[in-house]
């Protein structure tokens, strides 16, 4: 089992940047694919980005491609998401999530129901 704690959210003006962090407990962090999801008020939780257990494979929703970058440091049991050129529509609670990986070269999933462990979320608010 793994516990996840997000940090790094806050209030930023449009065009600004934030770096989200997600710290994981446990000794097998490198066995997990990691995902970032977000949920705006009144909307369903949606996929933002994901990174494979070995960091080789990443994926992004079209709305954040070229602006967000997901990375991980398995030695520090952490995953990050650098968010640049933020827009008001990026305002949401951001969650990190984890799922045990299958094969070593498996791509991480993008559907929320594929993930087993979730953090409590961190608020990101982008003002116009």
C-alpha atoms as a PDB file:
ATOM      1  CA  UNK A   1       0.000   0.000   0.000  1.00  0.00           C
ATOM      2  CA  UNK A   2       1.157   3.555  -0.654  1.00  0.00           C
ATOM      3  CA  UNK A   3       0.132   6.887   0.835  1.00  0.00           C
ATOM      4  CA  UNK A   4       0.363  10.049  -1.225  1.00  0.00           C
ATOM      5  CA  UNK A   5       0.669  13.668  -0.115  1.00  0.00           C
ATOM      6  CA  UNK A   6       0.515  16.530  -2.602  1.00  0.00           C
ATOM      7  CA  UNK A   7       1.948  20.001  -2.105  1.00  0.00           C
ATOM      8  CA  UNK A   8       2.821  23.081  -4.118  1.00  0.00           C
ATOM      9  CA  UNK A   9      -0.595  24.404  -5.011  1.00  0.00           C
ATOM     10  CA  UNK A  10      -1.565  28.026  -4.599  1.00  0.00           C
ATOM     11  CA  UNK A  11      -2.835  31.198  -6.205  1.00  0.00           C
ATOM     12  CA  UNK A  12      -1.048  32.452  -9.307  1.00  0.00           C
ATOM     13  CA  UNK A  13      -1.774  34.937 -12.052  1.00  0.00           C
ATOM     14  CA  UNK A  14      -2.414  33.798 -15.589  1.00  0.00           C
ATOM     15  CA  UNK A  15       0.858  33.139 -17.349  1.00  0.00           C
ATOM     16  CA  UNK A  16       2.573  32.156 -14.129  1.00  0.00           C
ATOM     17  CA  UNK A  17       4.045  28.852 -13.002  1.00  0.00           C
ATOM     18  CA  UNK A  18       3.663  26.360 -10.187  1.00  0.00           C
ATOM     19  CA  UNK A  19       5.415  23.109  -9.372  1.00  0.00           C
ATOM     20  CA  UNK A  20       3.339  20.411  -7.735  1.00  0.00           C
ATOM     21  CA  UNK A  21       4.982  17.673  -5.710  1.00  0.00           C
ATOM     22  CA  UNK A  22       3.634  14.352  -4.543  1.00  0.00           C
ATOM     23  CA  UNK A  23       5.475  12.430  -1.845  1.00  0.00           C
ATOM     24  CA  UNK A  24       4.804   8.716  -1.534  1.00  0.00           C
ATOM     25  CA  UNK A  25       5.305   6.440   1.428  1.00  0.00           C
ATOM     26  CA  UNK A  26       6.566   2.895   1.142  1.00  0.00           C
ATOM     27  CA  UNK A  27       9.620   1.171  -0.238  1.00  0.00           C
ATOM     28  CA  UNK A  28       8.296   0.145  -3.656  1.00  0.00           C
ATOM     29  CA  UNK A  29       7.589   3.517  -5.235  1.00  0.00           C
ATOM     30  CA  UNK A  30       9.421   2.494  -8.389  1.00  0.00           C
ATOM     31  CA  UNK A  31       6.833  -0.245  -8.915  1.00  0.00           C
ATOM     32  CA  UNK A  32       4.041   2.271  -9.457  1.00  0.00           C
ATOM     33  CA  UNK A  33       2.865   4.270 -12.406  1.00  0.00           C
ATOM     34  CA  UNK A  34       1.948   7.763 -11.248  1.00  0.00           C
ATOM     35  CA  UNK A  35      -0.776  10.025 -12.542  1.00  0.00           C
ATOM     36  CA  UNK A  36      -1.910  13.600 -12.029  1.00  0.00           C
ATOM     37  CA  UNK A  37      -5.605  14.374 -12.229  1.00  0.00           C
ATOM     38  CA  UNK A  38      -7.603  17.519 -11.655  1.00  0.00           C
ATOM     39  CA  UNK A  39     -11.148  18.387 -10.708  1.00  0.00           C
ATOM     40  CA  UNK A  40     -12.712  21.780 -11.219  1.00  0.00           C
ATOM     41  CA  UNK A  41     -15.865  22.810  -9.328  1.00  0.00           C
ATOM     42  CA  UNK A  42     -18.914  21.122 -10.788  1.00  0.00           C
ATOM     43  CA  UNK A  43     -16.876  18.972 -13.138  1.00  0.00           C
ATOM     44  CA  UNK A  44     -15.699  15.395 -13.178  1.00  0.00           C
ATOM     45  CA  UNK A  45     -12.155  14.477 -12.285  1.00  0.00           C
ATOM     46  CA  UNK A  46     -10.039  14.482 -15.422  1.00  0.00           C
ATOM     47  CA  UNK A  47      -6.667  13.195 -16.446  1.00  0.00           C
ATOM     48  CA  UNK A  48      -3.823  15.710 -16.680  1.00  0.00           C
ATOM     49  CA  UNK A  49      -0.590  13.728 -16.985  1.00  0.00           C
ATOM     50  CA  UNK A  50       1.044  10.426 -16.133  1.00  0.00           C
ATOM     51  CA  UNK A  51       4.483   8.895 -15.928  1.00  0.00           C
ATOM     52  CA  UNK A  52       5.532   5.283 -16.038  1.00  0.00           C
ATOM     53  CA  UNK A  53       7.291   3.489 -13.210  1.00  0.00           C
ATOM     54  CA  UNK A  54      10.673   3.949 -14.853  1.00  0.00           C
ATOM     55  CA  UNK A  55      10.044   7.504 -16.043  1.00  0.00           C
ATOM     56  CA  UNK A  56      10.515   6.520 -19.677  1.00  0.00           C
ATOM     57  CA  UNK A  57       6.905   7.013 -20.766  1.00  0.00           C
ATOM     58  CA  UNK A  58       4.832  10.115 -20.146  1.00  0.00           C
ATOM     59  CA  UNK A  59       1.443  11.220 -21.406  1.00  0.00           C
ATOM     60  CA  UNK A  60      -0.604  14.403 -21.224  1.00  0.00           C
ATOM     61  CA  UNK A  61      -4.101  15.570 -21.941  1.00  0.00           C
ATOM     62  CA  UNK A  62      -4.120  17.829 -24.990  1.00  0.00           C
ATOM     63  CA  UNK A  63      -5.090  20.867 -22.915  1.00  0.00           C
ATOM     64  CA  UNK A  64      -1.773  20.854 -21.027  1.00  0.00           C
ATOM     65  CA  UNK A  65       0.652  19.585 -23.670  1.00  0.00           C
ATOM     66  CA  UNK A  66       3.590  21.917 -24.063  1.00  0.00           C
ATOM     67  CA  UNK A  67       2.819  23.674 -20.760  1.00  0.00           C
ATOM     68  CA  UNK A  68       2.989  20.926 -18.109  1.00  0.00           C
ATOM     69  CA  UNK A  69       5.850  18.500 -17.521  1.00  0.00           C
ATOM     70  CA  UNK A  70       5.616  15.436 -15.301  1.00  0.00           C
ATOM     71  CA  UNK A  71       8.736  13.910 -13.766  1.00  0.00           C
ATOM     72  CA  UNK A  72       9.691  11.595 -10.934  1.00  0.00           C
ATOM     73  CA  UNK A  73      12.588  10.862  -8.639  1.00  0.00           C
ATOM     74  CA  UNK A  74      12.360   7.271  -7.462  1.00  0.00           C
ATOM     75  CA  UNK A  75      15.197   7.798  -4.994  1.00  0.00           C
ATOM     76  CA  UNK A  76      13.069  10.429  -3.254  1.00  0.00           C
ATOM     77  CA  UNK A  77       9.742   8.594  -3.653  1.00  0.00           C
ATOM     78  CA  UNK A  78       8.352  11.659  -5.376  1.00  0.00           C
ATOM     79  CA  UNK A  79       6.589  12.728  -8.530  1.00  0.00           C
ATOM     80  CA  UNK A  80       6.361  16.292  -9.778  1.00  0.00           C
ATOM     81  CA  UNK A  81       4.402  18.349 -12.249  1.00  0.00           C
ATOM     82  CA  UNK A  82       5.853  21.600 -13.498  1.00  0.00           C
ATOM     83  CA  UNK A  83       3.034  23.828 -14.718  1.00  0.00           C
ATOM     84  CA  UNK A  84       3.935  26.804 -16.902  1.00  0.00           C
ATOM     85  CA  UNK A  85       1.860  29.370 -18.799  1.00  0.00           C
ATOM     86  CA  UNK A  86      -1.046  28.714 -16.464  1.00  0.00           C
ATOM     87  CA  UNK A  87      -4.525  29.691 -17.572  1.00  0.00           C
ATOM     88  CA  UNK A  88      -7.683  30.390 -15.556  1.00  0.00           C
ATOM     89  CA  UNK A  89      -9.146  27.147 -16.911  1.00  0.00           C
ATOM     90  CA  UNK A  90      -6.367  25.248 -15.132  1.00  0.00           C
ATOM     91  CA  UNK A  91      -8.011  26.157 -11.830  1.00  0.00           C
ATOM     92  CA  UNK A  92      -8.845  22.920 -10.015  1.00  0.00           C
ATOM     93  CA  UNK A  93      -7.922  20.620  -7.186  1.00  0.00           C
ATOM     94  CA  UNK A  94      -4.988  18.552  -8.386  1.00  0.00           C
ATOM     95  CA  UNK A  95      -4.562  14.962  -7.223  1.00  0.00           C
ATOM     96  CA  UNK A  96      -1.742  12.515  -7.646  1.00  0.00           C
ATOM     97  CA  UNK A  97      -2.531   8.839  -7.944  1.00  0.00           C
ATOM     98  CA  UNK A  98      -0.664   5.548  -8.076  1.00  0.00           C
ATOM     99  CA  UNK A  99      -1.185   2.112  -9.571  1.00  0.00           C
ATOM    100  CA  UNK A 100       1.043  -0.949  -9.565  1.00  0.00           C
ATOM    101  CA  UNK A 101       2.705  -1.318 -12.936  1.00  0.00           C
ATOM    102  CA  UNK A 102       2.574  -4.444 -15.048  1.00  0.00           C
ATOM    103  CA  UNK A 103       5.468  -5.033 -17.400  1.00  0.00           C
ATOM    104  CA  UNK A 104       8.539  -2.829 -17.167  1.00  0.00           C
ATOM    105  CA  UNK A 105       7.734  -0.981 -20.396  1.00  0.00           C
ATOM    106  CA  UNK A 106       3.993  -0.657 -19.823  1.00  0.00           C
ATOM    107  CA  UNK A 107       2.542   2.776 -20.479  1.00  0.00           C
ATOM    108  CA  UNK A 108       0.745   4.451 -17.568  1.00  0.00           C
ATOM    109  CA  UNK A 109      -3.062   4.564 -17.722  1.00  0.00           C
ATOM    110  CA  UNK A 110      -5.060   7.760 -18.115  1.00  0.00           C
ATOM    111  CA  UNK A 111      -8.398   6.660 -16.716  1.00  0.00           C
ATOM    112  CA  UNK A 112      -9.013   7.529 -13.045  1.00  0.00           C
ATOM    113  CA  UNK A 113     -10.623   4.176 -12.323  1.00  0.00           C
ATOM    114  CA  UNK A 114      -7.347   2.429 -13.180  1.00  0.00           C
ATOM    115  CA  UNK A 115      -5.598   4.008 -10.186  1.00  0.00           C
ATOM    116  CA  UNK A 116      -5.762   2.474  -6.727  1.00  0.00           C
ATOM    117  CA  UNK A 117      -4.246   5.101  -4.457  1.00  0.00           C
ATOM    118  CA  UNK A 118      -4.987   8.807  -4.249  1.00  0.00           C
ATOM    119  CA  UNK A 119      -3.697  11.827  -2.390  1.00  0.00           C
ATOM    120  CA  UNK A 120      -5.892  14.394  -0.686  1.00  0.00           C
ATOM    121  CA  UNK A 121      -5.393  17.003  -3.397  1.00  0.00           C
ATOM    122  CA  UNK A 122      -3.909  20.474  -3.599  1.00  0.00           C
ATOM    123  CA  UNK A 123      -5.769  23.568  -4.809  1.00  0.00           C
ATOM    124  CA  UNK A 124      -4.474  25.479  -7.816  1.00  0.00           C
ATOM    125  CA  UNK A 125      -6.164  28.783  -8.558  1.00  0.00           C
ATOM    126  CA  UNK A 126      -5.214  30.853 -11.605  1.00  0.00           C
ATOM    127  CA  UNK A 127      -6.514  34.400 -11.698  1.00  0.00           C
ATOM    128  CA  UNK A 128      -7.099  36.292 -14.923  1.00  0.00           C
END
